[in-house]
Amino acid sequence: MRVISGEARGRRLSTLEGEHTRPTSEKVKEAVFSIIQFELEGRRVLDLFAGSGQMGIEAISRGARECVFVENDRAAAKIVRENVEKCKFQGRARFVVSDFKSFLSRGGEPFDIIIADPPYAAGYYKKILESISEFDMLNFNGIIIVESPRELQLDKPPEGITKGREYLYGKTKITVYRRD
């Protein structure tokens, strides 16, 4: 796995051994950043369920001002920190070891872009969107990118969040939401 574009282009990133995390494929990652390419510059990004941190690192590499990496697993969080250090992005990264519900419920400064790639089998999709809305964690005109299994039908988003296009890549579906 490597950084595809920007400042850290070509840097190899580490992943946690085993099947505890499921890194986003390079094809899907490239597609996500093609979708949001003109909306990254200077933006504040949240990499929820960070895993290896590759999505947030790609965002910083392509011009995001800052990324907050949220990961519940301590071993994975350590990998995220190491990957950020490899890319020399420490000054633009913040790390939080927490589950997504606890993190979002704390509130704080909202984000411009939220990338959510939860464990497929956990069924967190509805709760993620509800929590982002309830705790006002997304700026107006902000974007939520959700990665899910292709066959999963996602629930209607809460009021104030509009479901946009869905993109299919093999067994993966990317759904784009925007805050009205």
N, C-alpha and C. Protein backbone atom coordinates (compact mmCIF):
# COMPACT_ATOMS: atom_id res chain seq x y z
N MET A 1 0.84 -1.16 0.00
CA MET A 1 0.00 0.00 0.00
C MET A 1 0.89 1.24 0.00
N ARG A 2 0.49 2.23 -0.82
CA ARG A 2 1.32 3.43 -0.94
C ARG A 2 0.45 4.66 -1.07
N VAL A 3 1.06 5.83 -0.88
CA VAL A 3 0.38 7.10 -1.12
C VAL A 3 0.37 7.31 -2.62
N ILE A 4 -0.79 7.62 -3.18
CA ILE A 4 -0.95 7.70 -4.63
C ILE A 4 -0.48 9.02 -5.22
N SER A 5 -0.77 10.14 -4.54
CA SER A 5 -0.49 11.44 -5.15
C SER A 5 -0.14 12.47 -4.10
N GLY A 6 0.39 13.60 -4.55
CA GLY A 6 0.67 14.72 -3.66
C GLY A 6 2.06 14.69 -3.06
N GLU A 7 2.20 15.40 -1.93
CA GLU A 7 3.49 15.57 -1.26
C GLU A 7 4.20 14.26 -0.93
N ALA A 8 3.46 13.27 -0.48
CA ALA A 8 4.06 12.01 -0.04
C ALA A 8 3.94 10.91 -1.10
N ARG A 9 3.70 11.29 -2.33
CA ARG A 9 3.49 10.33 -3.41
C ARG A 9 4.56 9.23 -3.41
N GLY A 10 4.08 7.99 -3.51
CA GLY A 10 4.97 6.84 -3.60
C GLY A 10 5.42 6.26 -2.27
N ARG A 11 5.19 6.97 -1.15
CA ARG A 11 5.62 6.44 0.15
C ARG A 11 4.82 5.19 0.48
N ARG A 12 5.53 4.17 0.90
CA ARG A 12 4.89 2.91 1.31
C ARG A 12 4.38 3.06 2.74
N LEU A 13 3.18 2.54 2.96
CA LEU A 13 2.56 2.59 4.28
C LEU A 13 2.44 1.18 4.85
N SER A 14 2.54 1.09 6.15
CA SER A 14 2.41 -0.20 6.83
C SER A 14 0.95 -0.47 7.17
N THR A 15 0.62 -1.75 7.32
CA THR A 15 -0.72 -2.14 7.78
C THR A 15 -0.56 -3.11 8.94
N LEU A 16 -1.61 -3.24 9.69
CA LEU A 16 -1.62 -4.18 10.80
C LEU A 16 -1.71 -5.59 10.24
N GLU A 17 -0.90 -6.48 10.74
CA GLU A 17 -0.92 -7.87 10.28
C GLU A 17 -2.24 -8.53 10.64
N GLY A 18 -2.65 -9.50 9.84
CA GLY A 18 -3.87 -10.26 10.12
C GLY A 18 -5.08 -9.64 9.46
N GLU A 19 -6.24 -10.09 9.88
CA GLU A 19 -7.48 -9.64 9.25
C GLU A 19 -8.28 -8.68 10.13
N HIS A 20 -7.61 -8.11 11.14
CA HIS A 20 -8.31 -7.21 12.06
C HIS A 20 -8.75 -5.92 11.36
N THR A 21 -7.95 -5.44 10.42
CA THR A 21 -8.33 -4.27 9.64
C THR A 21 -8.42 -4.68 8.18
N ARG A 22 -9.21 -3.95 7.42
CA ARG A 22 -9.40 -4.22 6.00
C ARG A 22 -9.03 -2.95 5.24
N PRO A 23 -7.78 -2.86 4.79
CA PRO A 23 -7.37 -1.65 4.08
C PRO A 23 -8.18 -1.44 2.80
N THR A 24 -8.50 -0.19 2.52
CA THR A 24 -9.19 0.17 1.28
C THR A 24 -8.25 -0.13 0.12
N SER A 25 -8.78 -0.74 -0.93
CA SER A 25 -7.94 -1.07 -2.08
C SER A 25 -7.47 0.22 -2.77
N GLU A 26 -6.37 0.13 -3.48
CA GLU A 26 -5.84 1.31 -4.18
C GLU A 26 -6.84 1.81 -5.22
N LYS A 27 -7.55 0.90 -5.87
CA LYS A 27 -8.54 1.29 -6.87
C LYS A 27 -9.65 2.14 -6.24
N VAL A 28 -10.15 1.70 -5.09
CA VAL A 28 -11.21 2.43 -4.40
C VAL A 28 -10.68 3.74 -3.85
N LYS A 29 -9.48 3.72 -3.30
CA LYS A 29 -8.88 4.95 -2.76
C LYS A 29 -8.71 5.99 -3.88
N GLU A 30 -8.22 5.56 -5.01
CA GLU A 30 -8.07 6.47 -6.16
C GLU A 30 -9.42 7.04 -6.56
N ALA A 31 -10.45 6.22 -6.56
CA ALA A 31 -11.80 6.67 -6.93
C ALA A 31 -12.32 7.71 -5.93
N VAL A 32 -12.15 7.45 -4.64
CA VAL A 32 -12.61 8.39 -3.61
C VAL A 32 -11.96 9.75 -3.82
N PHE A 33 -10.66 9.75 -4.05
CA PHE A 33 -9.97 11.03 -4.17
C PHE A 33 -10.20 11.70 -5.52
N SER A 34 -10.64 10.96 -6.50
CA SER A 34 -11.10 11.57 -7.75
C SER A 34 -12.43 12.29 -7.51
N ILE A 35 -13.28 11.70 -6.69
CA ILE A 35 -14.58 12.28 -6.38
C ILE A 35 -14.43 13.61 -5.65
N ILE A 36 -13.49 13.69 -4.70
CA ILE A 36 -13.36 14.89 -3.85
C ILE A 36 -12.14 15.74 -4.18
N GLN A 37 -11.49 15.49 -5.29
CA GLN A 37 -10.21 16.13 -5.59
C GLN A 37 -10.24 17.66 -5.54
N PHE A 38 -11.33 18.28 -5.92
CA PHE A 38 -11.39 19.74 -5.94
C PHE A 38 -11.92 20.32 -4.63
N GLU A 39 -12.14 19.46 -3.65
CA GLU A 39 -12.70 19.91 -2.38
C GLU A 39 -11.76 19.67 -1.21
N LEU A 40 -10.53 19.28 -1.46
CA LEU A 40 -9.58 18.93 -0.41
C LEU A 40 -8.71 20.08 0.08
N GLU A 41 -8.31 20.94 -0.80
CA GLU A 41 -7.32 21.97 -0.49
C GLU A 41 -7.75 22.80 0.73
N GLY A 42 -6.92 22.77 1.77
CA GLY A 42 -7.15 23.56 2.96
C GLY A 42 -8.27 23.08 3.87
N ARG A 43 -8.78 21.91 3.62
CA ARG A 43 -9.92 21.40 4.38
C ARG A 43 -9.50 20.61 5.61
N ARG A 44 -10.43 20.52 6.54
CA ARG A 44 -10.25 19.74 7.77
C ARG A 44 -10.94 18.40 7.58
N VAL A 45 -10.18 17.30 7.74
CA VAL A 45 -10.65 15.95 7.42
C VAL A 45 -10.69 15.09 8.68
N LEU A 46 -11.70 14.22 8.74
CA LEU A 46 -11.79 13.20 9.79
C LEU A 46 -11.70 11.84 9.14
N ASP A 47 -10.72 11.04 9.55
CA ASP A 47 -10.58 9.66 9.09
C ASP A 47 -11.09 8.78 10.23
N LEU A 48 -12.39 8.45 10.15
CA LEU A 48 -13.07 7.66 11.17
C LEU A 48 -12.82 6.19 10.86
N PHE A 49 -12.47 5.39 11.83
CA PHE A 49 -12.07 3.99 11.62
C PHE A 49 -10.78 3.99 10.78
N ALA A 50 -9.77 4.68 11.25
CA ALA A 50 -8.57 4.98 10.46
C ALA A 50 -7.80 3.75 9.97
N GLY A 51 -7.80 2.66 10.73
CA GLY A 51 -7.07 1.46 10.29
C GLY A 51 -5.58 1.71 10.19
N SER A 52 -5.06 1.87 8.98
CA SER A 52 -3.64 2.20 8.76
C SER A 52 -3.42 3.69 8.60
N GLY A 53 -4.52 4.43 8.46
CA GLY A 53 -4.42 5.88 8.25
C GLY A 53 -4.26 6.29 6.80
N GLN A 54 -4.33 5.32 5.89
CA GLN A 54 -4.02 5.62 4.49
C GLN A 54 -4.96 6.66 3.87
N MET A 55 -6.24 6.68 4.24
CA MET A 55 -7.17 7.64 3.64
C MET A 55 -6.87 9.06 4.11
N GLY A 56 -6.66 9.23 5.40
CA GLY A 56 -6.33 10.55 5.92
C GLY A 56 -4.98 11.03 5.44
N ILE A 57 -4.02 10.14 5.36
CA ILE A 57 -2.68 10.49 4.86
C ILE A 57 -2.78 10.94 3.40
N GLU A 58 -3.57 10.23 2.62
CA GLU A 58 -3.77 10.61 1.21
C GLU A 58 -4.39 12.01 1.13
N ALA A 59 -5.34 12.28 2.03
CA ALA A 59 -5.99 13.61 2.05
C ALA A 59 -4.96 14.70 2.36
N ILE A 60 -4.12 14.50 3.35
CA ILE A 60 -3.09 15.48 3.70
C ILE A 60 -2.13 15.64 2.54
N SER A 61 -1.71 14.53 1.97
CA SER A 61 -0.76 14.57 0.85
C SER A 61 -1.31 15.39 -0.32
N ARG A 62 -2.62 15.36 -0.49
CA ARG A 62 -3.27 16.08 -1.60
C ARG A 62 -3.72 17.49 -1.23
N GLY A 63 -3.36 17.96 -0.03
CA GLY A 63 -3.61 19.36 0.29
C GLY A 63 -4.54 19.67 1.44
N ALA A 64 -5.06 18.64 2.13
CA ALA A 64 -5.91 18.92 3.30
C ALA A 64 -5.08 19.64 4.36
N ARG A 65 -5.70 20.57 5.05
CA ARG A 65 -5.02 21.35 6.09
C ARG A 65 -4.67 20.49 7.30
N GLU A 66 -5.59 19.59 7.65
CA GLU A 66 -5.44 18.80 8.87
C GLU A 66 -6.28 17.54 8.76
N CYS A 67 -5.84 16.49 9.45
CA CYS A 67 -6.64 15.27 9.54
C CYS A 67 -6.61 14.76 10.96
N VAL A 68 -7.79 14.43 11.46
CA VAL A 68 -7.90 13.76 12.77
C VAL A 68 -8.15 12.29 12.47
N PHE A 69 -7.30 11.44 13.01
CA PHE A 69 -7.39 9.99 12.81
C PHE A 69 -8.01 9.38 14.06
N VAL A 70 -9.15 8.71 13.90
CA VAL A 70 -9.82 8.06 15.03
C VAL A 70 -9.77 6.55 14.80
N GLU A 71 -9.19 5.86 15.75
CA GLU A 71 -9.05 4.40 15.67
C GLU A 71 -9.21 3.83 17.06
N ASN A 72 -10.05 2.83 17.21
CA ASN A 72 -10.34 2.22 18.50
C ASN A 72 -9.27 1.21 18.93
N ASP A 73 -8.64 0.55 17.98
CA ASP A 73 -7.65 -0.49 18.26
C ASP A 73 -6.28 0.15 18.48
N ARG A 74 -5.70 -0.08 19.64
CA ARG A 74 -4.41 0.57 19.98
C ARG A 74 -3.27 0.17 19.03
N ALA A 75 -3.23 -1.10 18.63
CA ALA A 75 -2.17 -1.54 17.71
C ALA A 75 -2.32 -0.85 16.36
N ALA A 76 -3.55 -0.73 15.87
CA ALA A 76 -3.78 -0.04 14.60
C ALA A 76 -3.45 1.45 14.74
N ALA A 77 -3.82 2.05 15.87
CA ALA A 77 -3.52 3.47 16.10
C ALA A 77 -2.01 3.72 16.08
N LYS A 78 -1.24 2.76 16.58
CA LYS A 78 0.23 2.88 16.55
C LYS A 78 0.73 2.87 15.11
N ILE A 79 0.14 2.02 14.27
CA ILE A 79 0.51 1.96 12.84
C ILE A 79 0.18 3.29 12.16
N VAL A 80 -0.99 3.86 12.49
CA VAL A 80 -1.38 5.15 11.91
C VAL A 80 -0.33 6.19 12.23
N ARG A 81 0.05 6.28 13.50
CA ARG A 81 1.05 7.27 13.94
C ARG A 81 2.38 7.06 13.19
N GLU A 82 2.81 5.81 13.06
CA GLU A 82 4.07 5.51 12.35
C GLU A 82 3.98 5.92 10.88
N ASN A 83 2.84 5.65 10.25
CA ASN A 83 2.66 6.02 8.84
C ASN A 83 2.67 7.54 8.66
N VAL A 84 2.04 8.25 9.57
CA VAL A 84 2.04 9.72 9.50
C VAL A 84 3.47 10.24 9.65
N GLU A 85 4.22 9.65 10.57
CA GLU A 85 5.62 10.06 10.77
C GLU A 85 6.46 9.77 9.52
N LYS A 86 6.25 8.62 8.87
CA LYS A 86 6.97 8.29 7.63
C LYS A 86 6.77 9.36 6.57
N CYS A 87 5.56 9.91 6.55
CA CYS A 87 5.21 10.92 5.54
C CYS A 87 5.51 12.34 6.00
N LYS A 88 5.99 12.47 7.24
CA LYS A 88 6.34 13.76 7.82
C LYS A 88 5.16 14.71 7.89
N PHE A 89 4.02 14.18 8.30
CA PHE A 89 2.79 14.97 8.41
C PHE A 89 2.36 15.20 9.86
N GLN A 90 3.28 15.01 10.82
CA GLN A 90 2.92 15.12 12.23
C GLN A 90 2.26 16.46 12.57
N GLY A 91 2.70 17.54 11.96
CA GLY A 91 2.15 18.86 12.26
C GLY A 91 0.74 19.07 11.76
N ARG A 92 0.28 18.19 10.89
CA ARG A 92 -1.07 18.33 10.33
C ARG A 92 -1.97 17.16 10.71
N ALA A 93 -1.54 16.37 11.68
CA ALA A 93 -2.31 15.18 12.09
C ALA A 93 -2.55 15.20 13.59
N ARG A 94 -3.71 14.70 13.96
CA ARG A 94 -4.05 14.49 15.36
C ARG A 94 -4.58 13.08 15.50
N PHE A 95 -4.26 12.43 16.60
CA PHE A 95 -4.62 11.02 16.80
C PHE A 95 -5.53 10.88 18.01
N VAL A 96 -6.58 10.10 17.84
CA VAL A 96 -7.51 9.84 18.93
C VAL A 96 -7.76 8.34 18.97
N VAL A 97 -7.47 7.72 20.13
CA VAL A 97 -7.79 6.31 20.32
C VAL A 97 -9.14 6.28 21.02
N SER A 98 -10.17 5.93 20.26
CA SER A 98 -11.53 5.97 20.76
C SER A 98 -12.45 5.24 19.80
N ASP A 99 -13.61 4.82 20.30
CA ASP A 99 -14.61 4.31 19.39
C ASP A 99 -15.31 5.51 18.76
N PHE A 100 -15.94 5.31 17.62
CA PHE A 100 -16.51 6.43 16.87
C PHE A 100 -17.61 7.16 17.63
N LYS A 101 -18.46 6.42 18.37
CA LYS A 101 -19.57 7.05 19.08
C LYS A 101 -19.06 8.00 20.17
N SER A 102 -18.08 7.55 20.93
CA SER A 102 -17.51 8.40 21.98
C SER A 102 -16.85 9.63 21.39
N PHE A 103 -16.10 9.43 20.32
CA PHE A 103 -15.43 10.57 19.69
C PHE A 103 -16.43 11.60 19.19
N LEU A 104 -17.41 11.15 18.42
CA LEU A 104 -18.39 12.08 17.84
C LEU A 104 -19.23 12.77 18.91
N SER A 105 -19.55 12.06 19.99
CA SER A 105 -20.40 12.63 21.04
C SER A 105 -19.69 13.74 21.82
N ARG A 106 -18.38 13.80 21.74
CA ARG A 106 -17.64 14.87 22.42
C ARG A 106 -17.83 16.22 21.73
N GLY A 107 -18.29 16.17 20.47
CA GLY A 107 -18.47 17.41 19.72
C GLY A 107 -17.12 18.03 19.40
N GLY A 108 -17.09 19.32 19.27
CA GLY A 108 -15.87 20.03 18.94
C GLY A 108 -15.99 20.68 17.58
N GLU A 109 -14.87 21.12 17.07
CA GLU A 109 -14.85 21.81 15.78
C GLU A 109 -15.29 20.85 14.67
N PRO A 110 -16.27 21.25 13.86
CA PRO A 110 -16.76 20.35 12.80
C PRO A 110 -15.73 20.18 11.68
N PHE A 111 -15.96 19.16 10.87
CA PHE A 111 -15.06 18.82 9.77
C PHE A 111 -15.67 19.22 8.43
N ASP A 112 -14.81 19.35 7.43
CA ASP A 112 -15.25 19.62 6.06
C ASP A 112 -15.50 18.32 5.31
N ILE A 113 -14.67 17.31 5.62
CA ILE A 113 -14.77 16.01 4.96
C ILE A 113 -14.62 14.93 6.02
N ILE A 114 -15.56 13.97 6.01
CA ILE A 114 -15.48 12.82 6.92
C ILE A 114 -15.44 11.56 6.07
N ILE A 115 -14.41 10.75 6.31
CA ILE A 115 -14.27 9.47 5.61
C ILE A 115 -14.55 8.38 6.62
N ALA A 116 -15.56 7.56 6.35
CA ALA A 116 -15.97 6.50 7.28
C ALA A 116 -15.92 5.15 6.58
N ASP A 117 -15.05 4.29 7.06
CA ASP A 117 -14.90 2.94 6.52
C ASP A 117 -14.95 1.95 7.68
N PRO A 118 -16.16 1.78 8.26
CA PRO A 118 -16.27 0.90 9.44
C PRO A 118 -16.16 -0.57 9.07
N PRO A 119 -15.95 -1.43 10.09
CA PRO A 119 -16.01 -2.87 9.83
C PRO A 119 -17.35 -3.20 9.18
N TYR A 120 -17.32 -3.87 8.06
CA TYR A 120 -18.54 -4.14 7.30
C TYR A 120 -19.62 -4.84 8.13
N ALA A 121 -19.24 -5.82 8.93
CA ALA A 121 -20.21 -6.64 9.65
C ALA A 121 -20.78 -5.96 10.90
N ALA A 122 -20.20 -4.84 11.31
CA ALA A 122 -20.60 -4.22 12.57
C ALA A 122 -21.95 -3.50 12.50
N GLY A 123 -22.38 -3.10 11.32
CA GLY A 123 -23.67 -2.45 11.19
C GLY A 123 -23.73 -1.04 11.75
N TYR A 124 -22.63 -0.31 11.68
CA TYR A 124 -22.55 1.03 12.26
C TYR A 124 -23.09 2.14 11.34
N TYR A 125 -23.43 1.85 10.12
CA TYR A 125 -23.69 2.87 9.11
C TYR A 125 -24.73 3.90 9.54
N LYS A 126 -25.87 3.47 9.99
CA LYS A 126 -26.93 4.39 10.40
C LYS A 126 -26.47 5.25 11.58
N LYS A 127 -25.84 4.62 12.57
CA LYS A 127 -25.40 5.33 13.77
C LYS A 127 -24.33 6.37 13.45
N ILE A 128 -23.48 6.09 12.48
CA ILE A 128 -22.45 7.06 12.09
C ILE A 128 -23.10 8.33 11.59
N LEU A 129 -24.02 8.20 10.63
CA LEU A 129 -24.68 9.38 10.06
C LEU A 129 -25.51 10.12 11.11
N GLU A 130 -26.22 9.37 11.96
CA GLU A 130 -27.01 10.01 13.02
C GLU A 130 -26.13 10.78 13.99
N SER A 131 -25.00 10.20 14.37
CA SER A 131 -24.10 10.85 15.33
C SER A 131 -23.45 12.10 14.72
N ILE A 132 -23.05 12.02 13.46
CA ILE A 132 -22.47 13.19 12.79
C ILE A 132 -23.48 14.34 12.79
N SER A 133 -24.73 14.02 12.50
CA SER A 133 -25.79 15.02 12.47
C SER A 133 -26.11 15.53 13.88
N GLU A 134 -26.33 14.62 14.80
CA GLU A 134 -26.73 14.97 16.17
C GLU A 134 -25.71 15.87 16.86
N PHE A 135 -24.43 15.57 16.69
CA PHE A 135 -23.38 16.31 17.38
C PHE A 135 -22.76 17.40 16.52
N ASP A 136 -23.39 17.68 15.36
CA ASP A 136 -23.01 18.79 14.49
C ASP A 136 -21.52 18.73 14.11
N MET A 137 -21.09 17.58 13.62
CA MET A 137 -19.67 17.36 13.33
C MET A 137 -19.28 17.62 11.87
N LEU A 138 -20.21 18.10 11.05
CA LEU A 138 -19.92 18.35 9.65
C LEU A 138 -20.32 19.77 9.29
N ASN A 139 -19.40 20.52 8.69
CA ASN A 139 -19.69 21.88 8.25
C ASN A 139 -20.74 21.87 7.15
N PHE A 140 -21.42 23.01 6.97
CA PHE A 140 -22.36 23.15 5.86
C PHE A 140 -21.59 22.93 4.56
N ASN A 141 -22.22 22.26 3.62
CA ASN A 141 -21.61 21.85 2.35
C ASN A 141 -20.49 20.84 2.54
N GLY A 142 -20.36 20.29 3.74
CA GLY A 142 -19.36 19.27 4.00
C GLY A 142 -19.74 17.95 3.35
N ILE A 143 -18.76 17.06 3.26
CA ILE A 143 -18.92 15.78 2.56
C ILE A 143 -18.64 14.63 3.52
N ILE A 144 -19.46 13.59 3.42
CA ILE A 144 -19.21 12.33 4.12
C ILE A 144 -19.03 11.27 3.04
N ILE A 145 -17.93 10.55 3.10
CA ILE A 145 -17.66 9.43 2.20
C ILE A 145 -17.78 8.16 3.02
N VAL A 146 -18.69 7.27 2.62
CA VAL A 146 -18.91 6.02 3.37
C VAL A 146 -18.57 4.84 2.47
N GLU A 147 -17.69 3.97 2.96
CA GLU A 147 -17.36 2.74 2.25
C GLU A 147 -18.16 1.60 2.89
N SER A 148 -18.80 0.80 2.05
CA SER A 148 -19.61 -0.32 2.55
C SER A 148 -19.56 -1.46 1.55
N PRO A 149 -20.11 -2.62 1.93
CA PRO A 149 -20.21 -3.71 0.96
C PRO A 149 -21.20 -3.32 -0.14
N ARG A 150 -20.92 -3.75 -1.32
CA ARG A 150 -21.73 -3.42 -2.49
C ARG A 150 -23.23 -3.69 -2.29
N GLU A 151 -23.55 -4.82 -1.69
CA GLU A 151 -24.95 -5.24 -1.59
C GLU A 151 -25.73 -4.54 -0.47
N LEU A 152 -25.06 -3.83 0.41
CA LEU A 152 -25.73 -3.19 1.54
C LEU A 152 -26.56 -1.99 1.08
N GLN A 153 -27.83 -1.98 1.46
CA GLN A 153 -28.70 -0.83 1.21
C GLN A 153 -28.64 0.06 2.45
N LEU A 154 -28.08 1.25 2.30
CA LEU A 154 -27.94 2.15 3.43
C LEU A 154 -29.26 2.86 3.71
N ASP A 155 -29.54 3.09 5.00
CA ASP A 155 -30.76 3.77 5.41
C ASP A 155 -30.77 5.21 4.92
N LYS A 156 -31.95 5.78 4.90
CA LYS A 156 -32.10 7.19 4.57
C LYS A 156 -31.33 8.01 5.60
N PRO A 157 -30.55 9.01 5.17
CA PRO A 157 -29.78 9.80 6.14
C PRO A 157 -30.68 10.70 6.97
N PRO A 158 -30.18 11.16 8.11
CA PRO A 158 -30.99 12.06 8.94
C PRO A 158 -31.22 13.40 8.23
N GLU A 159 -32.18 14.14 8.72
CA GLU A 159 -32.50 15.44 8.14
C GLU A 159 -31.26 16.34 8.15
N GLY A 160 -31.08 17.08 7.08
CA GLY A 160 -29.93 17.97 6.95
C GLY A 160 -28.76 17.35 6.21
N ILE A 161 -28.81 16.03 5.99
CA ILE A 161 -27.78 15.34 5.22
C ILE A 161 -28.45 14.71 4.01
N THR A 162 -27.89 14.96 2.85
CA THR A 162 -28.46 14.46 1.60
C THR A 162 -27.56 13.38 1.01
N LYS A 163 -28.19 12.28 0.62
CA LYS A 163 -27.44 11.20 -0.03
C LYS A 163 -27.22 11.59 -1.49
N GLY A 164 -25.97 11.49 -1.92
CA GLY A 164 -25.62 11.77 -3.31
C GLY A 164 -25.44 10.48 -4.08
N ARG A 165 -24.45 10.47 -4.93
CA ARG A 165 -24.20 9.31 -5.78
C ARG A 165 -23.60 8.15 -5.03
N GLU A 166 -23.83 6.98 -5.60
CA GLU A 166 -23.16 5.76 -5.15
C GLU A 166 -22.26 5.30 -6.29
N TYR A 167 -21.09 4.81 -5.92
CA TYR A 167 -20.12 4.31 -6.89
C TYR A 167 -19.78 2.88 -6.52
N LEU A 168 -19.77 2.00 -7.51
CA LEU A 168 -19.49 0.58 -7.26
C LEU A 168 -18.14 0.19 -7.83
N TYR A 169 -17.35 -0.50 -7.02
CA TYR A 169 -16.02 -0.97 -7.40
C TYR A 169 -15.86 -2.39 -6.88
N GLY A 170 -16.12 -3.38 -7.72
CA GLY A 170 -16.04 -4.77 -7.29
C GLY A 170 -17.05 -5.02 -6.18
N LYS A 171 -16.57 -5.47 -5.02
CA LYS A 171 -17.45 -5.78 -3.88
C LYS A 171 -17.69 -4.57 -2.98
N THR A 172 -17.16 -3.41 -3.38
CA THR A 172 -17.21 -2.22 -2.55
C THR A 172 -18.14 -1.16 -3.12
N LYS A 173 -18.86 -0.49 -2.23
CA LYS A 173 -19.69 0.64 -2.63
C LYS A 173 -19.21 1.88 -1.87
N ILE A 174 -19.09 2.98 -2.60
CA ILE A 174 -18.78 4.27 -2.01
C ILE A 174 -20.04 5.12 -2.13
N THR A 175 -20.50 5.66 -1.01
CA THR A 175 -21.68 6.52 -1.01
C THR A 175 -21.25 7.90 -0.53
N VAL A 176 -21.67 8.92 -1.26
CA VAL A 176 -21.31 10.30 -0.93
C VAL A 176 -22.54 10.99 -0.36
N TYR A 177 -22.35 11.64 0.78
CA TYR A 177 -23.39 12.42 1.42
C TYR A 177 -22.89 13.86 1.55
N ARG A 178 -23.83 14.80 1.59
CA ARG A 178 -23.49 16.21 1.80
C ARG A 178 -24.41 16.81 2.85
N ARG A 179 -23.86 17.75 3.57
CA ARG A 179 -24.70 18.49 4.54
C ARG A 179 -25.30 19.69 3.82
N ASP A 180 -26.61 19.82 3.95
CA ASP A 180 -27.33 20.93 3.32
C ASP A 180 -27.09 22.24 4.04
